[in-house]
Amino acid sequence: MALHTVDKAALRRRLLHSRHAVPKAEREAIHQAIFRKVLASEPYQKAETIFAYWSTEDEIDTHAIIEDALRQGKRVCVPKCMPGHRMEPRQIGSEADLTEETFGIPEPGAHCTVIPPEEIQLCLVPALACDASGARLGYGGGFYDRFLPQTPAYRMALCAQARILEEVPAQEHDIRCHCIVTETEVMLIHER
């Protein structure tokens, strides 16, 4: 178990470094291609309530997806970090509702309504890396592994093609995604 944790931590550091090294123009092209694929996807088009992470500069950009969803009248919620490495989905109407921060990431303020996880139809999930089984490597806090079992939502990981690995170290409690959207493909995961 300890070796597995060390391997996971080392892989995470390597991927964070390589992700940060991608030139800005290339990163923007990747983000635009993923944005178009998400918007064209059936899970996105059908979803009335979407849970999306508010992306940082290095992550796959979700800001344009969130703006599109709001324009379409979809209910959009983003995570509010709570004690015990938990996330609470809170509804936003615009970026102006992001008035607090945890880990330097904007979050919904206390005025934002909590959305019951069972009402969410689509979760956009951040990933440092993924594999063809739907396993994803996150940032090590376990926030999504605690949150995703609470919702029946379709789980869509957003990941650059360069970070699709042959295998991502995963444990039994790690929650797999239903699909992975990269700039070149939408990988549908079939239950094994």
C-alpha atoms as a PDB file:
ATOM      1  CA  MET A   1       0.000   0.000   0.000  1.00  0.00           C
ATOM      2  CA  ALA A   2       2.797   2.451   0.915  1.00  0.00           C
ATOM      3  CA  LEU A   3       4.618   1.791  -2.361  1.00  0.00           C
ATOM      4  CA  HIS A   4       1.367   2.315  -4.273  1.00  0.00           C
ATOM      5  CA  THR A   5       0.904   5.684  -2.507  1.00  0.00           C
ATOM      6  CA  VAL A   6       4.487   6.722  -3.297  1.00  0.00           C
ATOM      7  CA  ASP A   7       4.062   5.723  -6.943  1.00  0.00           C
ATOM      8  CA  LYS A   8       0.810   7.691  -7.134  1.00  0.00           C
ATOM      9  CA  ALA A   9       2.396  10.757  -5.532  1.00  0.00           C
ATOM     10  CA  ALA A  10       5.432  10.586  -7.844  1.00  0.00           C
ATOM     11  CA  LEU A  11       3.199  10.201 -10.889  1.00  0.00           C
ATOM     12  CA  ARG A  12       1.086  13.149  -9.738  1.00  0.00           C
ATOM     13  CA  ARG A  13       4.198  15.371  -9.402  1.00  0.00           C
ATOM     14  CA  ARG A  14       5.457  14.356 -12.853  1.00  0.00           C
ATOM     15  CA  LEU A  15       2.086  15.011 -14.491  1.00  0.00           C
ATOM     16  CA  LEU A  16       1.658  18.386 -12.776  1.00  0.00           C
ATOM     17  CA  HIS A  17       5.092  19.415 -14.044  1.00  0.00           C
ATOM     18  CA  SER A  18       4.429  18.257 -17.629  1.00  0.00           C
ATOM     19  CA  ARG A  19       0.967  19.854 -17.667  1.00  0.00           C
ATOM     20  CA  HIS A  20       2.407  23.184 -16.544  1.00  0.00           C
ATOM     21  CA  ALA A  21       5.061  22.991 -19.304  1.00  0.00           C
ATOM     22  CA  VAL A  22       2.481  22.917 -22.145  1.00  0.00           C
ATOM     23  CA  PRO A  23       2.722  26.194 -24.110  1.00  0.00           C
ATOM     24  CA  LYS A  24      -0.229  28.536 -23.616  1.00  0.00           C
ATOM     25  CA  ALA A  25      -1.359  28.479 -27.277  1.00  0.00           C
ATOM     26  CA  GLU A  26      -1.357  24.669 -27.311  1.00  0.00           C
ATOM     27  CA  ARG A  27      -3.236  24.577 -24.010  1.00  0.00           C
ATOM     28  CA  GLU A  28      -5.895  26.946 -25.383  1.00  0.00           C
ATOM     29  CA  ALA A  29      -6.338  24.812 -28.517  1.00  0.00           C
ATOM     30  CA  ILE A  30      -6.813  21.715 -26.324  1.00  0.00           C
ATOM     31  CA  HIS A  31      -9.356  23.552 -24.179  1.00  0.00           C
ATOM     32  CA  GLN A  32     -11.331  24.760 -27.214  1.00  0.00           C
ATOM     33  CA  ALA A  33     -11.481  21.275 -28.738  1.00  0.00           C
ATOM     34  CA  ILE A  34     -12.662  19.759 -25.432  1.00  0.00           C
ATOM     35  CA  PHE A  35     -15.217  22.564 -25.016  1.00  0.00           C
ATOM     36  CA  ARG A  36     -16.724  21.769 -28.444  1.00  0.00           C
ATOM     37  CA  LYS A  37     -16.854  18.023 -27.705  1.00  0.00           C
ATOM     38  CA  VAL A  38     -18.529  18.531 -24.327  1.00  0.00           C
ATOM     39  CA  LEU A  39     -21.172  20.863 -25.814  1.00  0.00           C
ATOM     40  CA  ALA A  40     -21.876  18.401 -28.645  1.00  0.00           C
ATOM     41  CA  SER A  41     -22.247  15.446 -26.253  1.00  0.00           C
ATOM     42  CA  GLU A  42     -25.632  13.960 -25.482  1.00  0.00           C
ATOM     43  CA  PRO A  43     -25.093  13.931 -21.678  1.00  0.00           C
ATOM     44  CA  TYR A  44     -24.402  17.680 -21.753  1.00  0.00           C
ATOM     45  CA  GLN A  45     -27.281  18.500 -24.073  1.00  0.00           C
ATOM     46  CA  LYS A  46     -29.782  16.481 -22.004  1.00  0.00           C
ATOM     47  CA  ALA A  47     -28.591  17.605 -18.552  1.00  0.00           C
ATOM     48  CA  GLU A  48     -30.710  20.181 -16.768  1.00  0.00           C
ATOM     49  CA  THR A  49     -28.425  20.345 -13.718  1.00  0.00           C
ATOM     50  CA  ILE A  50     -24.657  20.269 -14.135  1.00  0.00           C
ATOM     51  CA  PHE A  51     -21.929  20.019 -11.507  1.00  0.00           C
ATOM     52  CA  ALA A  52     -18.683  21.527 -12.828  1.00  0.00           C
ATOM     53  CA  TYR A  53     -15.367  22.364 -11.248  1.00  0.00           C
ATOM     54  CA  TRP A  54     -14.181  25.975 -11.589  1.00  0.00           C
ATOM     55  CA  SER A  55     -10.920  25.401 -13.449  1.00  0.00           C
ATOM     56  CA  THR A  56      -7.548  26.827 -12.532  1.00  0.00           C
ATOM     57  CA  GLU A  57      -5.149  28.110 -15.203  1.00  0.00           C
ATOM     58  CA  ASP A  58      -3.499  24.711 -15.757  1.00  0.00           C
ATOM     59  CA  GLU A  59      -6.679  22.582 -15.691  1.00  0.00           C
ATOM     60  CA  ILE A  60      -8.939  21.883 -18.658  1.00  0.00           C
ATOM     61  CA  ASP A  61     -10.961  25.104 -18.868  1.00  0.00           C
ATOM     62  CA  THR A  62     -14.561  24.839 -17.684  1.00  0.00           C
ATOM     63  CA  HIS A  63     -15.402  28.554 -17.655  1.00  0.00           C
ATOM     64  CA  ALA A  64     -16.768  28.587 -21.231  1.00  0.00           C
ATOM     65  CA  ILE A  65     -18.767  25.390 -20.562  1.00  0.00           C
ATOM     66  CA  ILE A  66     -20.280  26.953 -17.436  1.00  0.00           C
ATOM     67  CA  GLU A  67     -21.111  30.166 -19.335  1.00  0.00           C
ATOM     68  CA  ASP A  68     -22.789  28.171 -22.111  1.00  0.00           C
ATOM     69  CA  ALA A  69     -24.804  26.120 -19.612  1.00  0.00           C
ATOM     70  CA  LEU A  70     -25.995  29.278 -17.841  1.00  0.00           C
ATOM     71  CA  ARG A  71     -26.935  30.881 -21.187  1.00  0.00           C
ATOM     72  CA  GLN A  72     -28.993  27.800 -22.004  1.00  0.00           C
ATOM     73  CA  GLY A  73     -30.839  28.067 -18.690  1.00  0.00           C
ATOM     74  CA  LYS A  74     -29.273  24.954 -17.178  1.00  0.00           C
ATOM     75  CA  ARG A  75     -28.845  24.882 -13.427  1.00  0.00           C
ATOM     76  CA  VAL A  76     -25.111  25.010 -12.708  1.00  0.00           C
ATOM     77  CA  CYS A  77     -23.487  24.111  -9.438  1.00  0.00           C
ATOM     78  CA  VAL A  78     -19.837  24.179  -8.485  1.00  0.00           C
ATOM     79  CA  PRO A  79     -18.095  22.650  -5.480  1.00  0.00           C
ATOM     80  CA  LYS A  80     -17.768  24.316  -2.117  1.00  0.00           C
ATOM     81  CA  CYS A  81     -15.085  22.556  -0.050  1.00  0.00           C
ATOM     82  CA  MET A  82     -16.272  21.540   3.394  1.00  0.00           C
ATOM     83  CA  PRO A  83     -14.506  20.065   6.438  1.00  0.00           C
ATOM     84  CA  GLY A  84     -13.488  16.412   6.131  1.00  0.00           C
ATOM     85  CA  HIS A  85     -12.440  16.709   2.466  1.00  0.00           C
ATOM     86  CA  ARG A  86     -16.072  16.883   1.362  1.00  0.00           C
ATOM     87  CA  MET A  87     -17.637  18.937  -1.412  1.00  0.00           C
ATOM     88  CA  GLU A  88     -21.057  20.528  -1.413  1.00  0.00           C
ATOM     89  CA  PRO A  89     -22.680  21.422  -4.772  1.00  0.00           C
ATOM     90  CA  ARG A  90     -23.855  25.047  -4.720  1.00  0.00           C
ATOM     91  CA  GLN A  91     -25.774  26.766  -7.496  1.00  0.00           C
ATOM     92  CA  ILE A  92     -24.257  29.803  -9.200  1.00  0.00           C
ATOM     93  CA  GLY A  93     -25.802  32.260 -11.637  1.00  0.00           C
ATOM     94  CA  SER A  94     -22.523  33.851 -12.713  1.00  0.00           C
ATOM     95  CA  GLU A  95     -18.854  34.175 -11.804  1.00  0.00           C
ATOM     96  CA  ALA A  96     -19.883  36.946  -9.389  1.00  0.00           C
ATOM     97  CA  ASP A  97     -21.283  34.251  -7.065  1.00  0.00           C
ATOM     98  CA  LEU A  98     -17.757  32.903  -6.507  1.00  0.00           C
ATOM     99  CA  THR A  99     -16.909  34.986  -3.443  1.00  0.00           C
ATOM    100  CA  GLU A 100     -14.863  32.569  -1.320  1.00  0.00           C
ATOM    101  CA  GLU A 101     -11.699  30.515  -1.825  1.00  0.00           C
ATOM    102  CA  THR A 102     -10.264  27.200  -0.708  1.00  0.00           C
ATOM    103  CA  PHE A 103      -6.826  26.087  -1.941  1.00  0.00           C
ATOM    104  CA  GLY A 104      -6.735  29.335  -3.969  1.00  0.00           C
ATOM    105  CA  ILE A 105      -9.733  28.229  -6.068  1.00  0.00           C
ATOM    106  CA  PRO A 106     -12.831  30.453  -6.251  1.00  0.00           C
ATOM    107  CA  GLU A 107     -15.896  28.909  -4.643  1.00  0.00           C
ATOM    108  CA  PRO A 108     -19.575  29.767  -4.268  1.00  0.00           C
ATOM    109  CA  GLY A 109     -20.378  32.079  -1.399  1.00  0.00           C
ATOM    110  CA  ALA A 110     -22.579  31.254   1.577  1.00  0.00           C
ATOM    111  CA  HIS A 111     -25.540  32.883  -0.236  1.00  0.00           C
ATOM    112  CA  CYS A 112     -25.497  30.187  -2.946  1.00  0.00           C
ATOM    113  CA  THR A 113     -28.146  27.455  -2.685  1.00  0.00           C
ATOM    114  CA  VAL A 114     -27.033  23.898  -1.908  1.00  0.00           C
ATOM    115  CA  ILE A 115     -28.216  21.508  -4.646  1.00  0.00           C
ATOM    116  CA  PRO A 116     -29.065  17.931  -3.608  1.00  0.00           C
ATOM    117  CA  PRO A 117     -26.559  15.608  -5.343  1.00  0.00           C
ATOM    118  CA  GLU A 118     -29.376  13.339  -6.550  1.00  0.00           C
ATOM    119  CA  GLU A 119     -30.696  16.207  -8.718  1.00  0.00           C
ATOM    120  CA  ILE A 120     -27.473  16.455 -10.759  1.00  0.00           C
ATOM    121  CA  GLN A 121     -27.481  14.795 -14.202  1.00  0.00           C
ATOM    122  CA  LEU A 122     -23.900  15.538 -15.303  1.00  0.00           C
ATOM    123  CA  CYS A 123     -20.646  15.914 -13.361  1.00  0.00           C
ATOM    124  CA  LEU A 124     -17.614  17.389 -15.118  1.00  0.00           C
ATOM    125  CA  VAL A 125     -14.665  15.863 -13.315  1.00  0.00           C
ATOM    126  CA  PRO A 126     -11.095  17.205 -13.334  1.00  0.00           C
ATOM    127  CA  ALA A 127      -8.299  14.729 -14.053  1.00  0.00           C
ATOM    128  CA  LEU A 128      -4.531  14.900 -14.067  1.00  0.00           C
ATOM    129  CA  ALA A 129      -4.611  11.625 -16.002  1.00  0.00           C
ATOM    130  CA  CYS A 130      -7.063   8.891 -17.009  1.00  0.00           C
ATOM    131  CA  ASP A 131      -6.979   5.436 -18.500  1.00  0.00           C
ATOM    132  CA  ALA A 132      -9.309   3.445 -20.749  1.00  0.00           C
ATOM    133  CA  SER A 133     -11.055   1.861 -17.746  1.00  0.00           C
ATOM    134  CA  GLY A 134     -12.366   5.266 -16.641  1.00  0.00           C
ATOM    135  CA  ALA A 135      -9.938   5.503 -13.728  1.00  0.00           C
ATOM    136  CA  ARG A 136      -8.678   9.004 -13.079  1.00  0.00           C
ATOM    137  CA  LEU A 137      -5.814  10.465 -11.135  1.00  0.00           C
ATOM    138  CA  GLY A 138      -6.915  13.521  -9.203  1.00  0.00           C
ATOM    139  CA  TYR A 139      -4.981  15.788  -6.900  1.00  0.00           C
ATOM    140  CA  GLY A 140      -4.868  13.489  -3.890  1.00  0.00           C
ATOM    141  CA  GLY A 141      -7.540  14.997  -1.642  1.00  0.00           C
ATOM    142  CA  GLY A 142     -10.189  12.374  -2.387  1.00  0.00           C
ATOM    143  CA  PHE A 143     -12.893  15.050  -2.749  1.00  0.00           C
ATOM    144  CA  TYR A 144     -14.440  13.522  -5.879  1.00  0.00           C
ATOM    145  CA  ASP A 145     -14.196   9.954  -4.583  1.00  0.00           C
ATOM    146  CA  ARG A 146     -16.272  11.077  -1.584  1.00  0.00           C
ATOM    147  CA  PHE A 147     -18.734  13.152  -3.611  1.00  0.00           C
ATOM    148  CA  LEU A 148     -19.461  11.065  -6.724  1.00  0.00           C
ATOM    149  CA  PRO A 149     -21.110   8.108  -4.916  1.00  0.00           C
ATOM    150  CA  GLN A 150     -23.744  10.573  -3.651  1.00  0.00           C
ATOM    151  CA  THR A 151     -25.070  11.330  -7.142  1.00  0.00           C
ATOM    152  CA  PRO A 152     -26.469   9.201  -9.973  1.00  0.00           C
ATOM    153  CA  ALA A 153     -25.057  11.745 -12.449  1.00  0.00           C
ATOM    154  CA  TYR A 154     -23.161  10.829 -15.610  1.00  0.00           C
ATOM    155  CA  ARG A 155     -19.446  11.278 -14.825  1.00  0.00           C
ATOM    156  CA  MET A 156     -17.431  12.977 -17.585  1.00  0.00           C
ATOM    157  CA  ALA A 157     -13.688  13.433 -17.016  1.00  0.00           C
ATOM    158  CA  LEU A 158     -11.914  16.207 -18.930  1.00  0.00           C
ATOM    159  CA  CYS A 159      -8.325  15.304 -19.749  1.00  0.00           C
ATOM    160  CA  ALA A 160      -5.713  16.164 -22.383  1.00  0.00           C
ATOM    161  CA  GLN A 161      -4.939  13.276 -24.758  1.00  0.00           C
ATOM    162  CA  ALA A 162      -1.262  13.371 -23.730  1.00  0.00           C
ATOM    163  CA  ARG A 163      -2.316  12.346 -20.213  1.00  0.00           C
ATOM    164  CA  ILE A 164      -4.313   9.264 -21.201  1.00  0.00           C
ATOM    165  CA  LEU A 165      -2.141   6.569 -19.691  1.00  0.00           C
ATOM    166  CA  GLU A 166      -2.064   2.817 -20.203  1.00  0.00           C
ATOM    167  CA  GLU A 167      -3.003   2.453 -16.538  1.00  0.00           C
ATOM    168  CA  VAL A 168      -3.748   4.879 -13.731  1.00  0.00           C
ATOM    169  CA  PRO A 169      -3.039   3.571 -10.233  1.00  0.00           C
ATOM    170  CA  ALA A 170      -6.510   3.074  -8.745  1.00  0.00           C
ATOM    171  CA  GLN A 171      -7.889   1.575  -5.589  1.00  0.00           C
ATOM    172  CA  GLU A 172     -11.242  -0.117  -5.063  1.00  0.00           C
ATOM    173  CA  HIS A 173     -12.822   3.009  -3.579  1.00  0.00           C
ATOM    174  CA  ASP A 174     -11.732   5.197  -6.527  1.00  0.00           C
ATOM    175  CA  ILE A 175     -14.764   6.166  -8.610  1.00  0.00           C
ATOM    176  CA  ARG A 176     -14.469   5.613 -12.359  1.00  0.00           C
ATOM    177  CA  CYS A 177     -15.942   7.930 -14.969  1.00  0.00           C
ATOM    178  CA  HIS A 178     -18.483   7.004 -17.633  1.00  0.00           C
ATOM    179  CA  CYS A 179     -16.523   8.822 -20.334  1.00  0.00           C
ATOM    180  CA  ILE A 180     -13.359  10.814 -20.884  1.00  0.00           C
ATOM    181  CA  VAL A 181     -13.322  13.819 -23.186  1.00  0.00           C
ATOM    182  CA  THR A 182      -9.978  14.760 -24.715  1.00  0.00           C
ATOM    183  CA  GLU A 183      -9.187  17.145 -27.551  1.00  0.00           C
ATOM    184  CA  THR A 184      -9.154  14.244 -30.017  1.00  0.00           C
ATOM    185  CA  GLU A 185     -11.882  11.866 -28.817  1.00  0.00           C
ATOM    186  CA  VAL A 186     -14.732  11.036 -26.499  1.00  0.00           C
ATOM    187  CA  MET A 187     -13.818   7.746 -24.842  1.00  0.00           C
ATOM    188  CA  LEU A 188     -16.924   5.876 -23.692  1.00  0.00           C
ATOM    189  CA  ILE A 189     -16.122   3.529 -20.835  1.00  0.00           C
ATOM    190  CA  HIS A 190     -17.763   0.127 -20.895  1.00  0.00           C
ATOM    191  CA  GLU A 191     -18.261  -1.524 -17.537  1.00  0.00           C
ATOM    192  CA  ARG A 192     -15.788  -4.340 -17.003  1.00  0.00           C
END
